[in-house]
């Protein structure tokens, strides 16, 4: 059988015995792990918008990729659909984590550093913490 002919046969345990079991078990496990970490990290990083966005992107990419792989395994789709989903999902994960979000995270960290610096510089002067007395009211009071 020619290598390209494998693309047009069903993805099941008979045709793809070495990778079928591993694929659906990995997809199911990673789906559960992703949901667990999304909930855990969501509570932990609720004040950091960029990291929440990163987790959201990873969550929806995981749900899309791993649920498609489970669906392909259950219904026996042709390998023509399985292979691009595996490769495309891996590329999307790498793009999200290493290309799209690092500049956003760096800009966010620089903004936080600037905020911390200005907060320290405001409180560094003793006069900044002392309340000034209100000016004496020169207007006449009504009786």
N, C-alpha and C. Protein backbone atom coordinates (compact mmCIF):
# COMPACT_ATOMS: atom_id res chain seq x y z
N UNK A 1 0.84 -1.17 0.00
CA UNK A 1 0.00 0.00 0.00
C UNK A 1 0.89 1.24 0.00
N UNK A 2 0.57 2.20 -0.84
CA UNK A 2 1.34 3.45 -0.93
C UNK A 2 1.06 4.31 0.31
N UNK A 3 2.03 5.12 0.70
CA UNK A 3 1.86 5.91 1.92
C UNK A 3 0.64 6.85 1.90
N UNK A 4 0.32 7.44 0.77
CA UNK A 4 -0.81 8.37 0.71
C UNK A 4 -2.16 7.66 0.80
N UNK A 5 -2.18 6.36 0.59
CA UNK A 5 -3.44 5.61 0.67
C UNK A 5 -3.90 5.46 2.12
N UNK A 6 -2.98 5.62 3.08
CA UNK A 6 -3.37 5.57 4.48
C UNK A 6 -4.27 6.74 4.86
N UNK A 7 -4.20 7.83 4.11
CA UNK A 7 -5.03 8.99 4.40
C UNK A 7 -6.51 8.72 4.17
N UNK A 8 -6.83 7.74 3.32
CA UNK A 8 -8.23 7.52 2.94
C UNK A 8 -8.85 6.27 3.56
N UNK A 9 -8.22 5.78 4.63
CA UNK A 9 -8.85 4.66 5.36
C UNK A 9 -9.27 5.16 6.74
N UNK A 10 -10.23 4.51 7.35
CA UNK A 10 -10.79 4.96 8.62
C UNK A 10 -9.79 4.86 9.77
N UNK A 11 -9.90 5.82 10.67
CA UNK A 11 -9.04 5.84 11.85
C UNK A 11 -9.71 5.00 12.92
N UNK A 12 -9.27 3.74 13.04
CA UNK A 12 -9.82 2.82 14.05
C UNK A 12 -8.72 1.89 14.53
N UNK A 13 -9.07 1.01 15.44
CA UNK A 13 -8.05 0.14 16.06
C UNK A 13 -7.54 -0.94 15.11
N UNK A 14 -8.29 -1.24 14.06
CA UNK A 14 -7.82 -2.24 13.10
C UNK A 14 -6.81 -1.66 12.12
N UNK A 15 -7.09 -0.48 11.61
CA UNK A 15 -6.22 0.12 10.60
C UNK A 15 -5.00 0.82 11.19
N UNK A 16 -5.14 1.38 12.37
CA UNK A 16 -4.04 2.14 12.99
C UNK A 16 -3.81 1.64 14.42
N UNK A 17 -3.52 0.37 14.54
CA UNK A 17 -3.36 -0.26 15.86
C UNK A 17 -2.29 0.41 16.74
N UNK A 18 -1.13 0.79 16.22
CA UNK A 18 -0.10 1.36 17.11
C UNK A 18 -0.47 2.72 17.71
N UNK A 19 -1.24 3.54 16.99
CA UNK A 19 -1.48 4.90 17.50
C UNK A 19 -2.92 5.16 17.92
N UNK A 20 -3.85 4.28 17.59
CA UNK A 20 -5.26 4.55 17.87
C UNK A 20 -5.52 4.67 19.36
N UNK A 21 -5.13 3.68 20.13
CA UNK A 21 -5.38 3.67 21.58
C UNK A 21 -4.68 4.84 22.26
N UNK A 22 -3.45 5.07 21.90
CA UNK A 22 -2.67 6.15 22.50
C UNK A 22 -3.32 7.50 22.19
N UNK A 23 -3.80 7.67 20.98
CA UNK A 23 -4.37 8.95 20.56
C UNK A 23 -5.62 9.29 21.34
N UNK A 24 -6.58 8.38 21.42
CA UNK A 24 -7.81 8.74 22.10
C UNK A 24 -7.61 8.86 23.61
N UNK A 25 -6.71 8.05 24.19
CA UNK A 25 -6.44 8.17 25.63
C UNK A 25 -5.74 9.50 25.94
N UNK A 26 -4.79 9.86 25.09
CA UNK A 26 -4.09 11.13 25.27
C UNK A 26 -5.06 12.30 25.13
N UNK A 27 -5.94 12.25 24.15
CA UNK A 27 -6.90 13.34 23.93
C UNK A 27 -7.83 13.48 25.13
N UNK A 28 -8.32 12.38 25.64
CA UNK A 28 -9.23 12.43 26.79
C UNK A 28 -8.51 12.93 28.04
N UNK A 29 -7.30 12.45 28.27
CA UNK A 29 -6.52 12.89 29.43
C UNK A 29 -6.19 14.37 29.35
N UNK A 30 -5.75 14.83 28.19
CA UNK A 30 -5.38 16.23 28.05
C UNK A 30 -6.59 17.15 28.16
N UNK A 31 -7.74 16.69 27.72
CA UNK A 31 -8.96 17.47 27.86
C UNK A 31 -9.30 17.66 29.35
N UNK A 32 -9.19 16.60 30.12
CA UNK A 32 -9.46 16.68 31.56
C UNK A 32 -8.41 17.55 32.26
N UNK A 33 -7.14 17.38 31.92
CA UNK A 33 -6.07 18.17 32.53
C UNK A 33 -6.24 19.65 32.20
N UNK A 34 -6.60 19.93 30.98
CA UNK A 34 -6.80 21.32 30.57
C UNK A 34 -7.92 21.97 31.36
N UNK A 35 -9.03 21.28 31.51
CA UNK A 35 -10.15 21.84 32.27
C UNK A 35 -9.77 22.06 33.74
N UNK A 36 -9.04 21.11 34.32
CA UNK A 36 -8.60 21.26 35.70
C UNK A 36 -7.70 22.49 35.86
N UNK A 37 -6.67 22.60 35.01
CA UNK A 37 -5.74 23.72 35.14
C UNK A 37 -6.39 25.05 34.81
N UNK A 38 -7.34 25.06 33.89
CA UNK A 38 -8.03 26.31 33.58
C UNK A 38 -8.78 26.81 34.82
N UNK A 39 -9.49 25.93 35.50
CA UNK A 39 -10.21 26.34 36.71
C UNK A 39 -9.25 26.75 37.82
N UNK A 40 -8.19 26.00 38.00
CA UNK A 40 -7.21 26.31 39.04
C UNK A 40 -6.52 27.64 38.77
N UNK A 41 -6.03 27.83 37.56
CA UNK A 41 -5.32 29.05 37.20
C UNK A 41 -6.27 30.25 37.13
N UNK A 42 -7.52 30.02 36.77
CA UNK A 42 -8.47 31.11 36.68
C UNK A 42 -8.68 31.79 38.02
N UNK A 43 -8.73 31.01 39.07
CA UNK A 43 -8.87 31.59 40.41
C UNK A 43 -7.57 32.24 40.88
N UNK A 44 -6.49 31.63 40.53
CA UNK A 44 -5.19 32.10 41.00
C UNK A 44 -4.76 33.40 40.32
N UNK A 45 -5.06 33.52 39.04
CA UNK A 45 -4.58 34.67 38.26
C UNK A 45 -5.70 35.63 37.88
N UNK A 46 -6.73 35.72 38.69
CA UNK A 46 -7.90 36.52 38.30
C UNK A 46 -7.59 38.00 38.15
N UNK A 47 -6.50 38.49 38.75
CA UNK A 47 -6.16 39.91 38.65
C UNK A 47 -5.19 40.22 37.51
N UNK A 48 -4.76 39.22 36.79
CA UNK A 48 -3.78 39.41 35.72
C UNK A 48 -4.44 39.08 34.37
N UNK A 49 -4.90 40.10 33.69
CA UNK A 49 -5.72 39.92 32.50
C UNK A 49 -4.98 39.19 31.38
N UNK A 50 -3.72 39.48 31.18
CA UNK A 50 -2.98 38.85 30.07
C UNK A 50 -2.85 37.35 30.28
N UNK A 51 -2.58 36.95 31.51
CA UNK A 51 -2.43 35.52 31.79
C UNK A 51 -3.78 34.81 31.71
N UNK A 52 -4.84 35.49 32.07
CA UNK A 52 -6.17 34.90 31.90
C UNK A 52 -6.50 34.72 30.42
N UNK A 53 -6.10 35.70 29.60
CA UNK A 53 -6.32 35.56 28.15
C UNK A 53 -5.53 34.39 27.58
N UNK A 54 -4.29 34.24 28.03
CA UNK A 54 -3.48 33.11 27.59
C UNK A 54 -4.14 31.79 27.96
N UNK A 55 -4.62 31.69 29.19
CA UNK A 55 -5.29 30.46 29.62
C UNK A 55 -6.56 30.22 28.82
N UNK A 56 -7.28 31.28 28.50
CA UNK A 56 -8.51 31.14 27.72
C UNK A 56 -8.20 30.62 26.31
N UNK A 57 -7.17 31.18 25.69
CA UNK A 57 -6.78 30.71 24.36
C UNK A 57 -6.36 29.24 24.40
N UNK A 58 -5.58 28.88 25.40
CA UNK A 58 -5.15 27.48 25.52
C UNK A 58 -6.33 26.56 25.80
N UNK A 59 -7.29 27.03 26.59
CA UNK A 59 -8.47 26.22 26.87
C UNK A 59 -9.26 25.93 25.59
N UNK A 60 -9.57 26.96 24.83
CA UNK A 60 -10.40 26.74 23.64
C UNK A 60 -9.65 25.97 22.55
N UNK A 61 -8.35 26.15 22.47
CA UNK A 61 -7.57 25.35 21.53
C UNK A 61 -7.58 23.89 21.95
N UNK A 62 -7.45 23.63 23.25
CA UNK A 62 -7.49 22.26 23.76
C UNK A 62 -8.85 21.62 23.53
N UNK A 63 -9.90 22.35 23.83
CA UNK A 63 -11.24 21.80 23.63
C UNK A 63 -11.46 21.47 22.16
N UNK A 64 -11.08 22.38 21.29
CA UNK A 64 -11.25 22.12 19.86
C UNK A 64 -10.45 20.94 19.36
N UNK A 65 -9.17 20.94 19.65
CA UNK A 65 -8.28 19.90 19.13
C UNK A 65 -8.59 18.54 19.73
N UNK A 66 -8.66 18.45 21.04
CA UNK A 66 -8.81 17.14 21.68
C UNK A 66 -10.21 16.57 21.52
N UNK A 67 -11.22 17.42 21.48
CA UNK A 67 -12.57 16.88 21.24
C UNK A 67 -12.73 16.42 19.80
N UNK A 68 -12.08 17.10 18.85
CA UNK A 68 -12.10 16.61 17.47
C UNK A 68 -11.40 15.26 17.36
N UNK A 69 -10.27 15.12 18.03
CA UNK A 69 -9.57 13.83 17.99
C UNK A 69 -10.41 12.71 18.60
N UNK A 70 -11.11 13.01 19.70
CA UNK A 70 -12.01 12.01 20.28
C UNK A 70 -13.15 11.66 19.32
N UNK A 71 -13.70 12.67 18.68
CA UNK A 71 -14.78 12.43 17.73
C UNK A 71 -14.30 11.58 16.54
N UNK A 72 -13.11 11.88 16.06
CA UNK A 72 -12.56 11.08 14.94
C UNK A 72 -12.36 9.63 15.36
N UNK A 73 -11.91 9.42 16.59
CA UNK A 73 -11.68 8.05 17.07
C UNK A 73 -13.00 7.30 17.25
N UNK A 74 -14.00 7.96 17.78
CA UNK A 74 -15.28 7.30 18.04
C UNK A 74 -16.00 6.95 16.74
N UNK A 75 -16.01 7.87 15.79
CA UNK A 75 -16.77 7.66 14.57
C UNK A 75 -15.96 7.11 13.40
N UNK A 76 -14.67 6.91 13.58
CA UNK A 76 -13.84 6.29 12.55
C UNK A 76 -13.65 7.13 11.30
N UNK A 77 -13.43 8.41 11.45
CA UNK A 77 -13.17 9.28 10.31
C UNK A 77 -11.91 8.83 9.58
N UNK A 78 -11.78 9.24 8.34
CA UNK A 78 -10.56 8.95 7.60
C UNK A 78 -9.37 9.65 8.25
N UNK A 79 -8.20 9.05 8.08
CA UNK A 79 -6.99 9.62 8.65
C UNK A 79 -6.67 10.97 8.02
N UNK A 80 -7.29 11.27 6.89
CA UNK A 80 -7.14 12.55 6.22
C UNK A 80 -7.57 13.70 7.13
N UNK A 81 -8.50 13.47 8.04
CA UNK A 81 -8.94 14.49 8.99
C UNK A 81 -8.11 14.47 10.28
N UNK A 82 -7.67 13.29 10.67
CA UNK A 82 -6.96 13.14 11.95
C UNK A 82 -5.58 13.79 11.89
N UNK A 83 -4.83 13.53 10.86
CA UNK A 83 -3.46 14.04 10.77
C UNK A 83 -3.39 15.57 10.76
N UNK A 84 -4.19 16.27 9.93
CA UNK A 84 -4.13 17.75 10.00
C UNK A 84 -4.59 18.31 11.35
N UNK A 85 -5.52 17.63 12.01
CA UNK A 85 -5.96 18.10 13.32
C UNK A 85 -4.82 17.99 14.33
N UNK A 86 -4.09 16.88 14.30
CA UNK A 86 -2.95 16.72 15.21
C UNK A 86 -1.87 17.77 14.94
N UNK A 87 -1.50 17.90 13.69
CA UNK A 87 -0.42 18.83 13.32
C UNK A 87 -0.87 20.28 13.53
N UNK A 88 -2.08 20.59 13.08
CA UNK A 88 -2.59 21.96 13.23
C UNK A 88 -2.77 22.34 14.68
N UNK A 89 -3.26 21.44 15.52
CA UNK A 89 -3.40 21.72 16.95
C UNK A 89 -2.06 21.97 17.60
N UNK A 90 -1.06 21.16 17.26
CA UNK A 90 0.28 21.35 17.83
C UNK A 90 0.87 22.69 17.40
N UNK A 91 0.69 23.04 16.13
CA UNK A 91 1.21 24.33 15.64
C UNK A 91 0.50 25.49 16.33
N UNK A 92 -0.82 25.36 16.51
CA UNK A 92 -1.58 26.42 17.17
C UNK A 92 -1.15 26.59 18.62
N UNK A 93 -0.93 25.48 19.34
CA UNK A 93 -0.44 25.58 20.71
C UNK A 93 0.90 26.30 20.77
N UNK A 94 1.81 25.93 19.89
CA UNK A 94 3.13 26.56 19.87
C UNK A 94 3.04 28.04 19.51
N UNK A 95 2.19 28.38 18.55
CA UNK A 95 2.04 29.77 18.16
C UNK A 95 1.49 30.61 19.31
N UNK A 96 0.46 30.08 19.99
CA UNK A 96 -0.14 30.82 21.11
C UNK A 96 0.90 31.06 22.21
N UNK A 97 1.60 30.01 22.59
CA UNK A 97 2.48 30.08 23.76
C UNK A 97 3.79 30.81 23.49
N UNK A 98 4.35 30.65 22.28
CA UNK A 98 5.70 31.16 22.05
C UNK A 98 5.77 32.33 21.07
N UNK A 99 4.71 32.65 20.37
CA UNK A 99 4.77 33.76 19.41
C UNK A 99 3.75 34.84 19.75
N UNK A 100 2.50 34.48 19.96
CA UNK A 100 1.46 35.49 20.16
C UNK A 100 1.52 36.16 21.52
N UNK A 101 1.65 35.41 22.59
CA UNK A 101 1.53 35.98 23.92
C UNK A 101 2.81 36.53 24.55
N UNK A 102 4.01 36.08 24.23
CA UNK A 102 5.19 36.67 24.89
C UNK A 102 5.32 38.19 24.76
N UNK A 103 5.05 38.81 23.59
CA UNK A 103 5.12 40.28 23.57
C UNK A 103 4.05 40.94 24.45
N UNK A 104 2.88 40.34 24.51
CA UNK A 104 1.82 40.89 25.35
C UNK A 104 2.17 40.77 26.83
N UNK A 105 2.75 39.64 27.20
CA UNK A 105 3.16 39.43 28.60
C UNK A 105 4.28 40.39 28.97
N UNK A 106 5.22 40.59 28.06
CA UNK A 106 6.33 41.51 28.34
C UNK A 106 5.82 42.94 28.51
N UNK A 107 4.92 43.37 27.65
CA UNK A 107 4.36 44.72 27.78
C UNK A 107 3.59 44.87 29.08
N UNK A 108 2.86 43.84 29.46
CA UNK A 108 2.10 43.86 30.72
C UNK A 108 3.03 43.96 31.91
N UNK A 109 4.12 43.19 31.90
CA UNK A 109 5.08 43.23 33.00
C UNK A 109 5.78 44.59 33.09
N UNK A 110 6.07 45.19 31.93
CA UNK A 110 6.68 46.52 31.95
C UNK A 110 5.72 47.56 32.51
N UNK A 111 4.44 47.45 32.17
CA UNK A 111 3.45 48.37 32.70
C UNK A 111 3.32 48.22 34.22
N UNK A 112 3.33 46.97 34.70
CA UNK A 112 3.29 46.75 36.15
C UNK A 112 4.53 47.32 36.83
N UNK A 113 5.70 47.17 36.21
CA UNK A 113 6.94 47.70 36.79
C UNK A 113 6.88 49.23 36.87
N UNK A 114 6.35 49.87 35.81
CA UNK A 114 6.20 51.32 35.83
C UNK A 114 5.24 51.76 36.93
N UNK A 115 4.15 51.04 37.09
CA UNK A 115 3.19 51.39 38.15
C UNK A 115 3.83 51.27 39.52
N UNK A 116 4.59 50.20 39.73
CA UNK A 116 5.26 50.03 41.02
C UNK A 116 6.28 51.14 41.28
N UNK A 117 7.01 51.53 40.23
CA UNK A 117 8.01 52.59 40.37
C UNK A 117 7.34 53.91 40.74
N UNK A 118 6.27 54.26 40.05
CA UNK A 118 5.61 55.53 40.34
C UNK A 118 4.94 55.52 41.71
N UNK A 119 4.45 54.37 42.15
CA UNK A 119 3.88 54.30 43.49
C UNK A 119 4.95 54.52 44.54
N UNK A 120 6.13 53.95 44.32
CA UNK A 120 7.22 54.16 45.27
C UNK A 120 7.70 55.60 45.25
N UNK A 121 7.78 56.21 44.08
CA UNK A 121 8.27 57.57 44.00
C UNK A 121 7.29 58.56 44.62
N UNK A 122 6.01 58.26 44.60
CA UNK A 122 5.03 59.15 45.23
C UNK A 122 5.14 59.10 46.74
N UNK A 123 5.37 57.93 47.28
CA UNK A 123 5.43 57.80 48.74
C UNK A 123 6.83 58.04 49.28
N UNK A 124 7.80 58.27 48.43
CA UNK A 124 9.16 58.47 48.90
C UNK A 124 9.33 59.84 49.56
N UNK A 125 8.53 60.82 49.19
CA UNK A 125 8.63 62.15 49.78
C UNK A 125 7.76 62.23 51.03
N UNK A 126 8.32 62.69 52.14
CA UNK A 126 7.52 62.75 53.36
C UNK A 126 6.31 63.66 53.21
N UNK A 127 6.43 64.71 52.40
CA UNK A 127 5.32 65.64 52.24
C UNK A 127 4.12 64.98 51.56
N UNK A 128 4.37 63.92 50.82
CA UNK A 128 3.29 63.26 50.10
C UNK A 128 2.34 62.54 51.04
N UNK A 129 2.81 62.21 52.24
CA UNK A 129 1.96 61.48 53.17
C UNK A 129 1.29 62.39 54.20
N UNK A 130 1.68 63.66 54.24
CA UNK A 130 1.13 64.59 55.22
C UNK A 130 -0.04 65.34 54.59
N UNK A 131 -1.15 65.36 55.29
CA UNK A 131 -2.30 66.11 54.80
C UNK A 131 -2.09 67.59 55.05
N UNK A 132 -2.49 68.35 54.09
CA UNK A 132 -2.39 69.78 54.25
C UNK A 132 -3.69 70.29 54.86
N UNK A 133 -3.55 71.31 55.69
CA UNK A 133 -4.74 71.88 56.30
C UNK A 133 -5.51 72.66 55.24
N UNK A 134 -6.81 72.58 55.35
CA UNK A 134 -7.58 73.38 54.39
C UNK A 134 -7.36 74.87 54.68
N UNK A 135 -7.40 75.65 53.65
CA UNK A 135 -7.20 77.09 53.80
C UNK A 135 -8.33 77.68 54.62
N UNK A 136 -8.01 78.69 55.38
CA UNK A 136 -9.03 79.32 56.22
C UNK A 136 -10.11 79.91 55.33
N UNK A 137 -11.32 79.70 55.73
CA UNK A 137 -12.45 80.18 54.95
C UNK A 137 -12.62 81.67 55.18
N UNK A 138 -12.45 82.46 54.15
CA UNK A 138 -12.52 83.91 54.27
C UNK A 138 -13.94 84.44 54.06
N UNK A 139 -14.82 83.62 53.62
CA UNK A 139 -16.19 84.07 53.40
C UNK A 139 -16.90 84.22 54.75
N UNK A 140 -17.83 85.14 54.77
CA UNK A 140 -18.62 85.33 56.00
C UNK A 140 -19.65 84.24 56.13
N UNK A 141 -19.89 83.87 57.33
CA UNK A 141 -20.92 82.86 57.59
C UNK A 141 -22.30 83.50 57.62
N UNK A 142 -23.26 82.79 57.21
CA UNK A 142 -24.64 83.25 57.32
C UNK A 142 -25.16 82.90 58.69
N UNK A 143 -26.01 83.74 59.18
CA UNK A 143 -26.62 83.45 60.47
C UNK A 143 -28.05 83.11 60.32
